[in-house]
């Protein structure tokens, strides 16, 4: 999914108050970790993840891994935090995507 500049700006504003719910540690990136991330974002649409200090991964490598191995869009990276977006499939979880369509 390709996001416009205005849509990314809206998503960044919505993510401002969110806390990271996933982290990348010394175990690095695995398919199991990515599956859990996809399940969590399917119910939230917009989440933050963070990289722990002991992680050998870089923010750019994590963002590239997520985008190439899933349909998740990387909205923003700030320091060791990444904001991710994926529109929910189920209607009851569609809050951000409904507002995003109007932009």
Protein backbone atom coordinates (compact mmCIF):
# COMPACT_ATOMS: atom_id res chain seq x y z
CA UNK A 1 0.00 0.00 0.00
CA UNK A 2 1.35 3.39 -0.99
CA UNK A 3 0.60 6.25 1.38
CA UNK A 4 0.54 9.90 0.38
CA UNK A 5 2.35 12.57 2.37
CA UNK A 6 -0.89 13.80 3.94
CA UNK A 7 -1.85 10.27 4.96
CA UNK A 8 1.55 9.67 6.56
CA UNK A 9 1.27 12.99 8.40
CA UNK A 10 -2.15 11.94 9.73
CA UNK A 11 -0.82 8.54 10.84
CA UNK A 12 2.15 10.15 12.57
CA UNK A 13 -0.20 12.43 14.49
CA UNK A 14 -2.33 9.45 15.54
CA UNK A 15 0.75 7.49 16.65
CA UNK A 16 2.09 10.36 18.75
CA UNK A 17 0.36 9.14 21.91
CA UNK A 18 1.03 5.42 21.36
CA UNK A 19 3.61 3.45 23.31
CA UNK A 20 5.68 0.70 21.66
CA UNK A 21 4.05 -2.72 22.11
CA UNK A 22 6.72 -4.82 20.35
CA UNK A 23 10.49 -4.76 20.56
CA UNK A 24 13.42 -6.25 18.72
CA UNK A 25 16.05 -7.67 21.04
CA UNK A 26 19.20 -9.73 20.83
CA UNK A 27 17.33 -12.64 19.19
CA UNK A 28 16.81 -10.46 16.13
CA UNK A 29 14.11 -10.86 13.52
CA UNK A 30 12.34 -14.18 13.10
CA UNK A 31 9.29 -15.32 11.16
CA UNK A 32 7.51 -16.09 14.46
CA UNK A 33 8.12 -12.52 15.65
CA UNK A 34 6.75 -11.18 12.35
CA UNK A 35 3.65 -13.41 12.56
CA UNK A 36 2.92 -12.08 16.07
CA UNK A 37 3.42 -8.53 14.80
CA UNK A 38 0.97 -9.09 11.93
CA UNK A 39 -1.63 -10.54 14.31
CA UNK A 40 -1.30 -7.56 16.66
CA UNK A 41 -1.42 -4.91 13.94
CA UNK A 42 -4.48 -6.58 12.37
CA UNK A 43 -6.46 -5.56 15.46
CA UNK A 44 -4.89 -2.14 16.00
CA UNK A 45 -3.99 -0.88 12.49
CA UNK A 46 -1.33 1.46 13.87
CA UNK A 47 1.43 0.43 16.27
CA UNK A 48 4.92 1.35 17.41
CA UNK A 49 7.83 -1.02 17.88
CA UNK A 50 11.18 -0.28 19.46
CA UNK A 51 14.70 -1.65 19.18
CA UNK A 52 16.35 -2.61 22.44
CA UNK A 53 19.87 -1.47 23.22
CA UNK A 54 21.19 -5.05 22.94
CA UNK A 55 19.77 -5.55 19.47
CA UNK A 56 22.25 -6.15 16.67
CA UNK A 57 19.71 -4.94 14.10
CA UNK A 58 19.46 -1.38 12.82
CA UNK A 59 16.24 0.57 12.43
CA UNK A 60 16.60 0.53 8.64
CA UNK A 61 17.17 -3.24 8.48
CA UNK A 62 14.11 -3.89 10.68
CA UNK A 63 11.95 -1.57 8.54
CA UNK A 64 13.17 -3.24 5.33
CA UNK A 65 12.54 -6.72 6.78
CA UNK A 66 8.99 -5.83 7.80
CA UNK A 67 8.11 -4.22 4.46
CA UNK A 68 9.58 -7.02 2.33
CA UNK A 69 8.11 -9.91 4.32
CA UNK A 70 4.61 -8.50 4.95
CA UNK A 71 2.04 -5.97 3.73
CA UNK A 72 2.78 -3.61 6.62
CA UNK A 73 3.75 -0.02 5.74
CA UNK A 74 6.47 1.77 7.67
CA UNK A 75 5.10 5.25 8.39
CA UNK A 76 7.99 6.75 10.34
CA UNK A 77 11.24 5.96 12.10
CA UNK A 78 12.40 8.09 15.02
CA UNK A 79 15.57 7.06 16.79
CA UNK A 80 15.04 3.42 17.74
CA UNK A 81 11.25 3.51 17.29
CA UNK A 82 9.29 2.53 14.18
CA UNK A 83 5.64 3.40 13.45
CA UNK A 84 3.78 0.77 11.41
CA UNK A 85 0.41 0.76 9.65
CA UNK A 86 -1.74 -1.99 8.15
CA UNK A 87 -5.45 -1.53 7.43
CA UNK A 88 -7.62 -3.98 9.34
CA UNK A 89 -9.61 -6.56 7.40
CA UNK A 90 -12.40 -6.91 9.95
CA UNK A 91 -14.83 -3.99 10.16
CA UNK A 92 -14.89 -3.86 13.96
CA UNK A 93 -11.16 -3.00 14.04
CA UNK A 94 -11.29 -0.35 11.30
CA UNK A 95 -10.90 2.98 13.03
CA UNK A 96 -7.77 4.59 11.64
CA UNK A 97 -8.29 3.30 8.09
CA UNK A 98 -11.80 4.79 7.90
CA UNK A 99 -10.46 8.22 8.83
CA UNK A 100 -7.47 7.75 6.51
CA UNK A 101 -9.71 7.11 3.49
CA UNK A 102 -11.26 10.57 3.90
CA UNK A 103 -7.88 12.26 3.53
